[in-house]
Amino acid sequence: MTTALFDLDNTLIDRQEAVANWARTFAADHGFDPAAEAQVADALGERAYPATFVRLRDELGLAEPAAQLWNDYVQGIAANAKVRPNAIEGIEQLRATGWKVGILTNGAGDIQRAKLAAAGLADVVDAIAISEEIGARKPDLAAFHTALALCGSAQGAKAWMVGDNPQGDIGGAHQAGLRTIWLRGRTWPQHLAAAHHSVDTVTEAIEILLKEGNQ
């Protein structure tokens, strides 16, 4: 049995676009100027947690409780979470040919599960491992080991990681003994060993996995 782990944000879905769209709507609803909109988008850029909205509430003088702002953000981001073209079909094809497929993502459980459900990904994979829920974050080895275990993958079994983050996805996966496919976009750190494959789309990544599974 071969297992493929996929990152979620900016791999299976376009998180950057979702955040930009949400920040634009949020700023318009609150009558913010472009500078405040940029401030919101920047605060949410890499990752957001409830504490992010505690800070933004104070900085922007917002009236809503931070918990309400977070809940609104979770719902809004989920509504804007669009799955990459052909990703679901590709995952289904992998599983139909004998692959186990899991999603390994850093982040808070409520927002990541909301995005997974809204994008139609929650029901098409064998396992979901979210850092807040499993108590380990990529690139920690424990995150990869837990995700593989949730997929039912035995220690030492052949496994792959597909993701966009050089250090978190690719570097961590290398340390855990996985083969890797990097989705280009970020700057690659020169000190980091190259991924086994580099592609521009998740569809290309799945095509590589399907070929590997037939070998």
N, C-alpha and C. Protein backbone atom coordinates (compact mmCIF):
# COMPACT_ATOMS: atom_id res chain seq x y z
N MET A 1 0.84 -1.20 0.00
CA MET A 1 0.00 0.00 0.00
C MET A 1 0.88 1.25 0.00
N THR A 2 0.56 2.17 -0.88
CA THR A 2 1.29 3.43 -0.95
C THR A 2 0.38 4.56 -0.47
N THR A 3 0.97 5.49 0.26
CA THR A 3 0.20 6.58 0.84
C THR A 3 0.68 7.92 0.31
N ALA A 4 -0.26 8.81 0.03
CA ALA A 4 0.05 10.18 -0.37
C ALA A 4 -0.57 11.14 0.63
N LEU A 5 0.27 12.01 1.19
CA LEU A 5 -0.21 13.08 2.06
C LEU A 5 -0.20 14.38 1.29
N PHE A 6 -1.28 15.13 1.40
CA PHE A 6 -1.38 16.43 0.74
C PHE A 6 -1.50 17.54 1.78
N ASP A 7 -0.77 18.62 1.58
CA ASP A 7 -1.01 19.84 2.32
C ASP A 7 -2.36 20.40 1.86
N LEU A 8 -2.96 21.27 2.69
CA LEU A 8 -4.24 21.88 2.31
C LEU A 8 -4.06 23.27 1.71
N ASP A 9 -3.57 24.22 2.51
CA ASP A 9 -3.53 25.62 2.10
C ASP A 9 -2.48 25.87 1.03
N ASN A 10 -2.94 26.44 -0.08
CA ASN A 10 -2.11 26.76 -1.25
C ASN A 10 -1.55 25.51 -1.92
N THR A 11 -2.15 24.37 -1.61
CA THR A 11 -1.88 23.13 -2.33
C THR A 11 -3.18 22.60 -2.90
N LEU A 12 -4.09 22.15 -2.05
CA LEU A 12 -5.39 21.69 -2.53
C LEU A 12 -6.39 22.84 -2.70
N ILE A 13 -6.20 23.90 -1.92
CA ILE A 13 -7.02 25.10 -2.10
C ILE A 13 -6.11 26.32 -2.19
N ASP A 14 -6.65 27.42 -2.74
CA ASP A 14 -5.89 28.66 -2.85
C ASP A 14 -6.21 29.53 -1.63
N ARG A 15 -5.43 29.37 -0.57
CA ARG A 15 -5.69 30.14 0.64
C ARG A 15 -5.42 31.63 0.43
N GLN A 16 -4.40 31.96 -0.32
CA GLN A 16 -4.05 33.37 -0.52
C GLN A 16 -5.21 34.14 -1.15
N GLU A 17 -5.83 33.55 -2.15
CA GLU A 17 -6.96 34.21 -2.81
C GLU A 17 -8.14 34.32 -1.85
N ALA A 18 -8.38 33.26 -1.08
CA ALA A 18 -9.50 33.28 -0.13
C ALA A 18 -9.32 34.37 0.91
N VAL A 19 -8.11 34.53 1.44
CA VAL A 19 -7.83 35.56 2.44
C VAL A 19 -7.98 36.95 1.83
N ALA A 20 -7.46 37.13 0.63
CA ALA A 20 -7.57 38.43 -0.03
C ALA A 20 -9.03 38.81 -0.26
N ASN A 21 -9.83 37.86 -0.70
CA ASN A 21 -11.25 38.14 -0.94
C ASN A 21 -11.97 38.47 0.35
N TRP A 22 -11.65 37.70 1.41
CA TRP A 22 -12.31 37.95 2.69
C TRP A 22 -11.90 39.30 3.26
N ALA A 23 -10.62 39.64 3.19
CA ALA A 23 -10.14 40.91 3.73
C ALA A 23 -10.78 42.08 2.99
N ARG A 24 -10.97 41.93 1.69
CA ARG A 24 -11.59 42.99 0.89
C ARG A 24 -13.04 43.22 1.34
N THR A 25 -13.78 42.13 1.52
CA THR A 25 -15.17 42.24 1.96
C THR A 25 -15.25 42.78 3.39
N PHE A 26 -14.39 42.29 4.25
CA PHE A 26 -14.36 42.73 5.65
C PHE A 26 -14.07 44.23 5.74
N ALA A 27 -13.10 44.69 4.96
CA ALA A 27 -12.75 46.11 4.97
C ALA A 27 -13.90 46.96 4.46
N ALA A 28 -14.56 46.51 3.40
CA ALA A 28 -15.69 47.26 2.86
C ALA A 28 -16.84 47.33 3.86
N ASP A 29 -17.11 46.23 4.53
CA ASP A 29 -18.21 46.19 5.51
C ASP A 29 -17.96 47.12 6.70
N HIS A 30 -16.69 47.34 7.01
CA HIS A 30 -16.33 48.18 8.15
C HIS A 30 -15.91 49.58 7.75
N GLY A 31 -15.98 49.88 6.48
CA GLY A 31 -15.62 51.22 6.01
C GLY A 31 -14.15 51.53 6.14
N PHE A 32 -13.29 50.50 6.05
CA PHE A 32 -11.86 50.71 6.19
C PHE A 32 -11.25 51.24 4.90
N ASP A 33 -10.15 51.96 5.03
CA ASP A 33 -9.42 52.43 3.87
C ASP A 33 -8.48 51.32 3.39
N PRO A 34 -7.83 51.50 2.21
CA PRO A 34 -6.95 50.45 1.68
C PRO A 34 -5.82 50.06 2.63
N ALA A 35 -5.31 51.02 3.42
CA ALA A 35 -4.22 50.70 4.35
C ALA A 35 -4.69 49.72 5.42
N ALA A 36 -5.91 49.92 5.93
CA ALA A 36 -6.43 49.02 6.94
C ALA A 36 -6.73 47.65 6.34
N GLU A 37 -7.23 47.64 5.10
CA GLU A 37 -7.45 46.36 4.42
C GLU A 37 -6.16 45.58 4.29
N ALA A 38 -5.08 46.29 3.90
CA ALA A 38 -3.78 45.65 3.77
C ALA A 38 -3.28 45.14 5.11
N GLN A 39 -3.56 45.88 6.17
CA GLN A 39 -3.16 45.47 7.52
C GLN A 39 -3.85 44.17 7.91
N VAL A 40 -5.13 44.06 7.60
CA VAL A 40 -5.88 42.84 7.91
C VAL A 40 -5.32 41.67 7.10
N ALA A 41 -5.15 41.88 5.81
CA ALA A 41 -4.65 40.81 4.95
C ALA A 41 -3.27 40.35 5.39
N ASP A 42 -2.41 41.29 5.79
CA ASP A 42 -1.07 40.95 6.23
C ASP A 42 -1.10 40.15 7.53
N ALA A 43 -1.99 40.52 8.45
CA ALA A 43 -2.10 39.81 9.73
C ALA A 43 -2.54 38.37 9.53
N LEU A 44 -3.31 38.13 8.48
CA LEU A 44 -3.85 36.79 8.22
C LEU A 44 -3.01 36.02 7.21
N GLY A 45 -1.94 36.65 6.73
CA GLY A 45 -1.22 36.14 5.57
C GLY A 45 -0.75 34.71 5.65
N GLU A 46 0.05 34.39 6.67
CA GLU A 46 0.62 33.05 6.74
C GLU A 46 -0.30 32.07 7.46
N ARG A 47 -0.89 32.50 8.56
CA ARG A 47 -1.76 31.65 9.34
C ARG A 47 -2.55 32.52 10.29
N ALA A 48 -3.76 32.14 10.64
CA ALA A 48 -4.57 32.93 11.57
C ALA A 48 -5.15 32.02 12.64
N TYR A 49 -5.24 32.56 13.83
CA TYR A 49 -5.82 31.88 14.98
C TYR A 49 -6.73 32.87 15.71
N PRO A 50 -7.55 32.41 16.66
CA PRO A 50 -8.39 33.36 17.41
C PRO A 50 -7.60 34.52 18.00
N ALA A 51 -6.37 34.27 18.46
CA ALA A 51 -5.56 35.35 19.04
C ALA A 51 -5.26 36.44 18.02
N THR A 52 -5.24 36.09 16.74
CA THR A 52 -5.00 37.10 15.70
C THR A 52 -6.07 38.17 15.73
N PHE A 53 -7.30 37.75 16.02
CA PHE A 53 -8.40 38.71 16.02
C PHE A 53 -8.49 39.48 17.33
N VAL A 54 -7.91 38.96 18.38
CA VAL A 54 -7.78 39.75 19.61
C VAL A 54 -6.89 40.95 19.32
N ARG A 55 -5.79 40.71 18.62
CA ARG A 55 -4.88 41.80 18.28
C ARG A 55 -5.50 42.77 17.28
N LEU A 56 -6.13 42.25 16.23
CA LEU A 56 -6.72 43.12 15.21
C LEU A 56 -7.85 43.97 15.80
N ARG A 57 -8.61 43.38 16.71
CA ARG A 57 -9.70 44.13 17.33
C ARG A 57 -9.15 45.36 18.05
N ASP A 58 -8.06 45.19 18.76
CA ASP A 58 -7.47 46.32 19.47
C ASP A 58 -6.85 47.32 18.51
N GLU A 59 -6.13 46.84 17.51
CA GLU A 59 -5.42 47.72 16.58
C GLU A 59 -6.38 48.56 15.74
N LEU A 60 -7.52 47.98 15.37
CA LEU A 60 -8.45 48.65 14.47
C LEU A 60 -9.66 49.25 15.18
N GLY A 61 -9.73 49.07 16.49
CA GLY A 61 -10.84 49.64 17.26
C GLY A 61 -12.18 49.05 16.89
N LEU A 62 -12.21 47.73 16.69
CA LEU A 62 -13.44 47.06 16.28
C LEU A 62 -14.38 46.86 17.47
N ALA A 63 -15.67 46.94 17.21
CA ALA A 63 -16.66 46.81 18.28
C ALA A 63 -16.99 45.36 18.59
N GLU A 64 -16.93 44.48 17.59
CA GLU A 64 -17.32 43.09 17.78
C GLU A 64 -16.35 42.37 18.70
N PRO A 65 -16.85 41.44 19.52
CA PRO A 65 -15.95 40.62 20.33
C PRO A 65 -15.00 39.82 19.43
N ALA A 66 -13.80 39.56 19.93
CA ALA A 66 -12.82 38.83 19.13
C ALA A 66 -13.33 37.45 18.73
N ALA A 67 -14.10 36.81 19.62
CA ALA A 67 -14.63 35.48 19.30
C ALA A 67 -15.60 35.55 18.12
N GLN A 68 -16.39 36.60 18.05
CA GLN A 68 -17.31 36.76 16.92
C GLN A 68 -16.55 37.03 15.63
N LEU A 69 -15.51 37.85 15.72
CA LEU A 69 -14.68 38.13 14.55
C LEU A 69 -14.05 36.85 14.02
N TRP A 70 -13.57 36.01 14.93
CA TRP A 70 -12.98 34.73 14.50
C TRP A 70 -14.03 33.84 13.84
N ASN A 71 -15.20 33.73 14.44
CA ASN A 71 -16.25 32.89 13.86
C ASN A 71 -16.66 33.39 12.49
N ASP A 72 -16.76 34.71 12.34
CA ASP A 72 -17.10 35.29 11.04
C ASP A 72 -16.01 34.97 10.02
N TYR A 73 -14.77 35.02 10.47
CA TYR A 73 -13.65 34.72 9.58
C TYR A 73 -13.68 33.25 9.15
N VAL A 74 -13.93 32.35 10.09
CA VAL A 74 -14.00 30.93 9.75
C VAL A 74 -15.06 30.69 8.68
N GLN A 75 -16.24 31.26 8.87
CA GLN A 75 -17.32 31.08 7.90
C GLN A 75 -16.98 31.71 6.56
N GLY A 76 -16.37 32.91 6.62
CA GLY A 76 -16.05 33.62 5.39
C GLY A 76 -14.96 32.94 4.58
N ILE A 77 -13.93 32.47 5.27
CA ILE A 77 -12.85 31.78 4.56
C ILE A 77 -13.35 30.47 3.97
N ALA A 78 -14.17 29.75 4.72
CA ALA A 78 -14.73 28.50 4.19
C ALA A 78 -15.53 28.76 2.92
N ALA A 79 -16.30 29.85 2.92
CA ALA A 79 -17.10 30.19 1.74
C ALA A 79 -16.23 30.54 0.55
N ASN A 80 -15.01 31.04 0.83
CA ASN A 80 -14.10 31.43 -0.25
C ASN A 80 -13.09 30.33 -0.61
N ALA A 81 -13.14 29.21 0.08
CA ALA A 81 -12.17 28.13 -0.14
C ALA A 81 -12.56 27.33 -1.38
N LYS A 82 -11.83 27.52 -2.43
CA LYS A 82 -12.11 26.82 -3.68
C LYS A 82 -11.05 25.76 -3.94
N VAL A 83 -11.51 24.54 -4.16
CA VAL A 83 -10.58 23.45 -4.42
C VAL A 83 -9.91 23.66 -5.78
N ARG A 84 -8.66 23.27 -5.87
CA ARG A 84 -7.93 23.38 -7.14
C ARG A 84 -8.61 22.54 -8.23
N PRO A 85 -8.55 22.99 -9.47
CA PRO A 85 -9.18 22.23 -10.55
C PRO A 85 -8.68 20.79 -10.62
N ASN A 86 -9.62 19.87 -10.71
CA ASN A 86 -9.37 18.44 -10.89
C ASN A 86 -8.73 17.76 -9.68
N ALA A 87 -8.60 18.49 -8.55
CA ALA A 87 -7.96 17.87 -7.38
C ALA A 87 -8.80 16.74 -6.82
N ILE A 88 -10.10 16.94 -6.69
CA ILE A 88 -10.95 15.89 -6.13
C ILE A 88 -10.98 14.67 -7.05
N GLU A 89 -11.10 14.92 -8.33
CA GLU A 89 -11.12 13.81 -9.29
C GLU A 89 -9.79 13.04 -9.23
N GLY A 90 -8.70 13.76 -9.07
CA GLY A 90 -7.39 13.12 -8.99
C GLY A 90 -7.25 12.28 -7.73
N ILE A 91 -7.72 12.80 -6.61
CA ILE A 91 -7.66 12.04 -5.36
C ILE A 91 -8.50 10.77 -5.47
N GLU A 92 -9.68 10.90 -6.05
CA GLU A 92 -10.54 9.73 -6.23
C GLU A 92 -9.87 8.69 -7.12
N GLN A 93 -9.16 9.15 -8.13
CA GLN A 93 -8.46 8.22 -9.02
C GLN A 93 -7.32 7.52 -8.28
N LEU A 94 -6.60 8.26 -7.45
CA LEU A 94 -5.55 7.65 -6.65
C LEU A 94 -6.12 6.54 -5.76
N ARG A 95 -7.19 6.84 -5.08
CA ARG A 95 -7.77 5.86 -4.16
C ARG A 95 -8.33 4.65 -4.93
N ALA A 96 -8.86 4.91 -6.12
CA ALA A 96 -9.40 3.82 -6.93
C ALA A 96 -8.31 2.86 -7.40
N THR A 97 -7.07 3.35 -7.46
CA THR A 97 -5.96 2.50 -7.89
C THR A 97 -5.16 1.97 -6.70
N GLY A 98 -5.71 2.09 -5.49
CA GLY A 98 -5.10 1.45 -4.34
C GLY A 98 -4.32 2.34 -3.39
N TRP A 99 -4.25 3.63 -3.68
CA TRP A 99 -3.54 4.55 -2.79
C TRP A 99 -4.39 4.87 -1.57
N LYS A 100 -3.71 5.10 -0.43
CA LYS A 100 -4.32 5.75 0.72
C LYS A 100 -3.97 7.24 0.61
N VAL A 101 -4.94 8.10 0.86
CA VAL A 101 -4.71 9.54 0.71
C VAL A 101 -5.11 10.25 2.00
N GLY A 102 -4.20 11.06 2.50
CA GLY A 102 -4.47 11.85 3.69
C GLY A 102 -4.15 13.31 3.47
N ILE A 103 -4.73 14.16 4.30
CA ILE A 103 -4.43 15.59 4.28
C ILE A 103 -3.74 15.92 5.60
N LEU A 104 -2.57 16.54 5.50
CA LEU A 104 -1.80 16.96 6.68
C LEU A 104 -1.62 18.47 6.61
N THR A 105 -2.23 19.17 7.55
CA THR A 105 -2.23 20.63 7.51
C THR A 105 -1.98 21.23 8.88
N ASN A 106 -1.23 22.31 8.90
CA ASN A 106 -1.09 23.10 10.12
C ASN A 106 -2.30 24.02 10.24
N GLY A 107 -2.67 24.36 11.48
CA GLY A 107 -3.75 25.31 11.67
C GLY A 107 -4.70 24.89 12.77
N ALA A 108 -5.70 25.75 13.01
CA ALA A 108 -6.74 25.48 14.00
C ALA A 108 -7.75 24.50 13.43
N GLY A 109 -8.26 23.62 14.29
CA GLY A 109 -9.16 22.58 13.83
C GLY A 109 -10.45 23.10 13.22
N ASP A 110 -11.06 24.12 13.85
CA ASP A 110 -12.37 24.55 13.36
C ASP A 110 -12.28 25.15 11.96
N ILE A 111 -11.29 25.99 11.72
CA ILE A 111 -11.23 26.64 10.40
C ILE A 111 -10.77 25.66 9.32
N GLN A 112 -9.83 24.77 9.66
CA GLN A 112 -9.36 23.84 8.64
C GLN A 112 -10.47 22.85 8.26
N ARG A 113 -11.23 22.38 9.25
CA ARG A 113 -12.32 21.46 8.92
C ARG A 113 -13.45 22.17 8.17
N ALA A 114 -13.67 23.44 8.47
CA ALA A 114 -14.68 24.20 7.73
C ALA A 114 -14.27 24.33 6.27
N LYS A 115 -13.00 24.62 6.02
CA LYS A 115 -12.52 24.73 4.64
C LYS A 115 -12.59 23.39 3.93
N LEU A 116 -12.20 22.33 4.60
CA LEU A 116 -12.24 21.00 3.99
C LEU A 116 -13.66 20.61 3.58
N ALA A 117 -14.62 20.90 4.46
CA ALA A 117 -16.01 20.57 4.16
C ALA A 117 -16.54 21.41 3.01
N ALA A 118 -16.26 22.72 3.05
CA ALA A 118 -16.78 23.63 2.02
C ALA A 118 -16.18 23.32 0.66
N ALA A 119 -14.92 22.90 0.64
CA ALA A 119 -14.25 22.62 -0.63
C ALA A 119 -14.58 21.23 -1.16
N GLY A 120 -15.30 20.41 -0.38
CA GLY A 120 -15.66 19.08 -0.83
C GLY A 120 -14.56 18.05 -0.66
N LEU A 121 -13.57 18.35 0.21
CA LEU A 121 -12.44 17.46 0.38
C LEU A 121 -12.59 16.49 1.55
N ALA A 122 -13.43 16.83 2.51
CA ALA A 122 -13.50 16.05 3.74
C ALA A 122 -13.90 14.60 3.50
N ASP A 123 -14.72 14.36 2.51
CA ASP A 123 -15.26 13.01 2.31
C ASP A 123 -14.55 12.21 1.22
N VAL A 124 -13.46 12.77 0.67
CA VAL A 124 -12.80 12.05 -0.43
C VAL A 124 -11.41 11.56 -0.05
N VAL A 125 -11.04 11.68 1.24
CA VAL A 125 -9.72 11.21 1.68
C VAL A 125 -9.89 10.18 2.79
N ASP A 126 -8.82 9.46 3.06
CA ASP A 126 -8.85 8.42 4.09
C ASP A 126 -8.64 8.98 5.48
N ALA A 127 -7.92 10.10 5.59
CA ALA A 127 -7.62 10.64 6.91
C ALA A 127 -7.30 12.13 6.81
N ILE A 128 -7.57 12.84 7.91
CA ILE A 128 -7.27 14.26 8.02
C ILE A 128 -6.48 14.47 9.30
N ALA A 129 -5.32 15.09 9.19
CA ALA A 129 -4.48 15.37 10.35
C ALA A 129 -4.25 16.88 10.41
N ILE A 130 -4.77 17.52 11.45
CA ILE A 130 -4.67 18.97 11.63
C ILE A 130 -3.81 19.23 12.86
N SER A 131 -2.85 20.12 12.74
CA SER A 131 -1.83 20.29 13.79
C SER A 131 -2.45 20.52 15.17
N GLU A 132 -3.45 21.39 15.27
CA GLU A 132 -4.05 21.66 16.57
C GLU A 132 -4.66 20.40 17.19
N GLU A 133 -5.18 19.53 16.35
CA GLU A 133 -5.86 18.33 16.85
C GLU A 133 -4.90 17.20 17.18
N ILE A 134 -3.78 17.12 16.45
CA ILE A 134 -2.85 16.00 16.68
C ILE A 134 -1.69 16.40 17.58
N GLY A 135 -1.59 17.68 17.91
CA GLY A 135 -0.54 18.14 18.82
C GLY A 135 0.84 18.18 18.22
N ALA A 136 0.94 18.30 16.91
CA ALA A 136 2.24 18.39 16.23
C ALA A 136 2.07 19.18 14.94
N ARG A 137 3.06 20.01 14.63
CA ARG A 137 3.02 20.86 13.44
C ARG A 137 4.14 20.47 12.48
N LYS A 138 3.82 20.49 11.20
CA LYS A 138 4.89 20.37 10.22
C LYS A 138 5.88 21.51 10.44
N PRO A 139 7.16 21.30 10.39
CA PRO A 139 7.87 20.11 9.89
C PRO A 139 8.21 19.05 10.94
N ASP A 140 7.58 19.06 12.11
CA ASP A 140 7.88 18.06 13.13
C ASP A 140 7.62 16.64 12.60
N LEU A 141 8.53 15.74 12.90
CA LEU A 141 8.37 14.36 12.43
C LEU A 141 7.07 13.75 12.93
N ALA A 142 6.68 14.11 14.15
CA ALA A 142 5.47 13.54 14.74
C ALA A 142 4.24 13.83 13.90
N ALA A 143 4.20 14.98 13.24
CA ALA A 143 3.05 15.32 12.40
C ALA A 143 2.92 14.34 11.24
N PHE A 144 4.03 14.03 10.60
CA PHE A 144 4.01 13.10 9.46
C PHE A 144 3.71 11.68 9.93
N HIS A 145 4.33 11.27 11.03
CA HIS A 145 4.09 9.92 11.53
C HIS A 145 2.63 9.73 11.92
N THR A 146 2.04 10.75 12.55
CA THR A 146 0.63 10.65 12.96
C THR A 146 -0.28 10.59 11.75
N ALA A 147 -0.02 11.43 10.74
CA ALA A 147 -0.84 11.43 9.53
C ALA A 147 -0.79 10.08 8.83
N LEU A 148 0.40 9.51 8.75
CA LEU A 148 0.53 8.20 8.10
C LEU A 148 -0.20 7.12 8.90
N ALA A 149 -0.10 7.20 10.21
CA ALA A 149 -0.80 6.22 11.05
C ALA A 149 -2.31 6.32 10.89
N LEU A 150 -2.82 7.55 10.79
CA LEU A 150 -4.26 7.73 10.58
C LEU A 150 -4.71 7.15 9.25
N CYS A 151 -3.81 7.13 8.28
CA CYS A 151 -4.12 6.53 6.97
C CYS A 151 -3.99 5.00 7.01
N GLY A 152 -3.50 4.48 8.12
CA GLY A 152 -3.29 3.04 8.21
C GLY A 152 -2.02 2.58 7.55
N SER A 153 -1.07 3.51 7.37
CA SER A 153 0.18 3.19 6.70
C SER A 153 1.18 2.67 7.71
N ALA A 154 1.76 1.52 7.44
CA ALA A 154 2.72 0.91 8.35
C ALA A 154 4.04 1.69 8.32
N GLN A 155 4.77 1.64 9.43
CA GLN A 155 6.07 2.28 9.50
C GLN A 155 6.97 1.72 8.41
N GLY A 156 7.62 2.62 7.67
CA GLY A 156 8.52 2.20 6.61
C GLY A 156 7.86 1.97 5.27
N ALA A 157 6.53 2.06 5.22
CA ALA A 157 5.84 1.87 3.95
C ALA A 157 6.13 3.05 3.02
N LYS A 158 6.02 2.82 1.74
CA LYS A 158 6.29 3.87 0.76
C LYS A 158 5.24 4.98 0.89
N ALA A 159 5.70 6.22 1.01
CA ALA A 159 4.78 7.34 1.18
C ALA A 159 5.33 8.59 0.54
N TRP A 160 4.41 9.48 0.17
CA TRP A 160 4.75 10.73 -0.50
C TRP A 160 4.09 11.89 0.23
N MET A 161 4.71 13.08 0.08
CA MET A 161 4.12 14.33 0.58
C MET A 161 4.08 15.32 -0.57
N VAL A 162 2.91 15.96 -0.74
CA VAL A 162 2.73 16.99 -1.76
C VAL A 162 2.39 18.29 -1.05
N GLY A 163 3.17 19.34 -1.30
CA GLY A 163 2.89 20.61 -0.64
C GLY A 163 3.66 21.76 -1.24
N ASP A 164 3.30 22.97 -0.80
CA ASP A 164 3.92 24.18 -1.35
C ASP A 164 4.99 24.78 -0.46
N ASN A 165 5.03 24.38 0.82
CA ASN A 165 5.95 25.00 1.76
C ASN A 165 7.28 24.24 1.77
N PRO A 166 8.37 24.88 1.35
CA PRO A 166 9.64 24.16 1.27
C PRO A 166 10.08 23.54 2.59
N GLN A 167 10.05 24.31 3.66
CA GLN A 167 10.52 23.81 4.94
C GLN A 167 9.48 22.90 5.61
N GLY A 168 8.25 23.39 5.72
CA GLY A 168 7.23 22.64 6.44
C GLY A 168 6.84 21.35 5.75
N ASP A 169 6.53 21.43 4.46
CA ASP A 169 6.07 20.26 3.73
C ASP A 169 7.21 19.37 3.24
N ILE A 170 8.14 19.97 2.52
CA ILE A 170 9.18 19.19 1.85
C ILE A 170 10.31 18.82 2.80
N GLY A 171 10.84 19.82 3.51
CA GLY A 171 11.93 19.53 4.45
C GLY A 171 11.50 18.55 5.54
N GLY A 172 10.33 18.78 6.10
CA GLY A 172 9.82 17.88 7.13
C GLY A 172 9.60 16.48 6.61
N ALA A 173 9.04 16.38 5.41
CA ALA A 173 8.77 15.07 4.83
C ALA A 173 10.07 14.31 4.55
N HIS A 174 11.10 15.03 4.08
CA HIS A 174 12.39 14.38 3.87
C HIS A 174 12.91 13.77 5.17
N GLN A 175 12.82 14.53 6.26
CA GLN A 175 13.29 14.04 7.55
C GLN A 175 12.50 12.81 8.00
N ALA A 176 11.24 12.76 7.60
CA ALA A 176 10.38 11.63 7.98
C ALA A 176 10.51 10.45 7.02
N GLY A 177 11.35 10.59 5.99
CA GLY A 177 11.58 9.49 5.07
C GLY A 177 10.60 9.38 3.92
N LEU A 178 9.83 10.45 3.66
CA LEU A 178 8.87 10.44 2.57
C LEU A 178 9.50 10.98 1.30
N ARG A 179 9.00 10.54 0.18
CA ARG A 179 9.33 11.17 -1.10
C ARG A 179 8.43 12.40 -1.26
N THR A 180 8.85 13.35 -2.08
CA THR A 180 8.19 14.65 -2.06
C THR A 180 7.93 15.22 -3.44
N ILE A 181 6.83 15.99 -3.51
CA ILE A 181 6.51 16.77 -4.70
C ILE A 181 6.21 18.19 -4.23
N TRP A 182 6.96 19.13 -4.75
CA TRP A 182 6.81 20.53 -4.36
C TRP A 182 6.00 21.29 -5.40
N LEU A 183 4.98 22.03 -4.95
CA LEU A 183 4.24 22.95 -5.81
C LEU A 183 4.95 24.29 -5.78
N ARG A 184 5.51 24.67 -6.89
CA ARG A 184 6.30 25.89 -6.97
C ARG A 184 5.47 27.12 -6.61
N GLY A 185 6.13 28.15 -6.11
CA GLY A 185 5.46 29.40 -5.79
C GLY A 185 6.27 30.22 -4.81
N ARG A 186 6.71 29.59 -3.74
CA ARG A 186 7.55 30.27 -2.77
C ARG A 186 9.02 30.22 -3.19
N THR A 187 9.83 31.06 -2.58
CA THR A 187 11.26 31.01 -2.82
C THR A 187 11.84 29.79 -2.12
N TRP A 188 12.66 29.05 -2.85
CA TRP A 188 13.24 27.84 -2.28
C TRP A 188 14.50 28.18 -1.50
N PRO A 189 14.59 27.79 -0.22
CA PRO A 189 15.81 28.05 0.57
C PRO A 189 17.00 27.26 0.02
N GLN A 190 18.11 27.93 -0.16
CA GLN A 190 19.26 27.27 -0.78
C GLN A 190 19.83 26.14 0.06
N HIS A 191 19.63 26.22 1.38
CA HIS A 191 20.20 25.19 2.25
C HIS A 191 19.40 23.90 2.24
N LEU A 192 18.20 23.94 1.66
CA LEU A 192 17.29 22.80 1.74
C LEU A 192 17.49 21.86 0.56
N ALA A 193 17.50 20.57 0.83
CA ALA A 193 17.60 19.59 -0.25
C ALA A 193 16.39 19.67 -1.16
N ALA A 194 16.62 19.50 -2.45
CA ALA A 194 15.55 19.63 -3.43
C ALA A 194 14.49 18.55 -3.25
N ALA A 195 13.26 18.90 -3.63
CA ALA A 195 12.19 17.91 -3.66
C ALA A 195 12.48 16.88 -4.75
N HIS A 196 11.86 15.72 -4.65
CA HIS A 196 12.06 14.70 -5.68
C HIS A 196 11.46 15.14 -7.01
N HIS A 197 10.36 15.90 -6.95
CA HIS A 197 9.74 16.46 -8.14
C HIS A 197 9.26 17.87 -7.81
N SER A 198 9.26 18.75 -8.81
CA SER A 198 8.71 20.10 -8.66
C SER A 198 7.72 20.33 -9.80
N VAL A 199 6.52 20.82 -9.45
CA VAL A 199 5.47 21.00 -10.43
C VAL A 199 4.77 22.33 -10.20
N ASP A 200 3.90 22.70 -11.11
CA ASP A 200 3.17 23.95 -11.00
C ASP A 200 1.74 23.77 -10.51
N THR A 201 1.19 22.57 -10.64
CA THR A 201 -0.20 22.34 -10.25
C THR A 201 -0.33 21.02 -9.51
N VAL A 202 -1.39 20.92 -8.70
CA VAL A 202 -1.63 19.67 -7.99
C VAL A 202 -2.02 18.56 -8.96
N THR A 203 -2.59 18.92 -10.09
CA THR A 203 -2.92 17.92 -11.11
C THR A 203 -1.66 17.23 -11.61
N GLU A 204 -0.60 18.01 -11.84
CA GLU A 204 0.68 17.42 -12.27
C GLU A 204 1.24 16.50 -11.19
N ALA A 205 1.08 16.92 -9.92
CA ALA A 205 1.56 16.09 -8.83
C ALA A 205 0.84 14.74 -8.81
N ILE A 206 -0.46 14.77 -8.99
CA ILE A 206 -1.24 13.53 -8.97
C ILE A 206 -0.86 12.64 -10.15
N GLU A 207 -0.58 13.23 -11.29
CA GLU A 207 -0.14 12.44 -12.44
C GLU A 207 1.16 11.70 -12.13
N ILE A 208 2.08 12.36 -11.44
CA ILE A 208 3.32 11.71 -11.05
C ILE A 208 3.04 10.55 -10.10
N LEU A 209 2.16 10.77 -9.13
CA LEU A 209 1.84 9.72 -8.17
C LEU A 209 1.21 8.52 -8.86
N LEU A 210 0.31 8.78 -9.79
CA LEU A 210 -0.32 7.67 -10.51
C LEU A 210 0.70 6.85 -11.29
N LYS A 211 1.67 7.51 -11.90
CA LYS A 211 2.73 6.79 -12.62
C LYS A 211 3.59 5.99 -11.65
N GLU A 212 3.89 6.59 -10.49
CA GLU A 212 4.71 5.88 -9.49
C GLU A 212 3.97 4.65 -8.98
N GLY A 213 2.67 4.75 -8.84
CA GLY A 213 1.89 3.64 -8.33
C GLY A 213 1.83 2.48 -9.28
N ASN A 214 2.08 2.76 -10.56
CA ASN A 214 2.03 1.70 -11.56
C ASN A 214 3.38 1.04 -11.80
N GLN A 215 4.39 1.52 -11.09
CA GLN A 215 5.73 0.97 -11.29
C GLN A 215 6.03 -0.17 -10.32
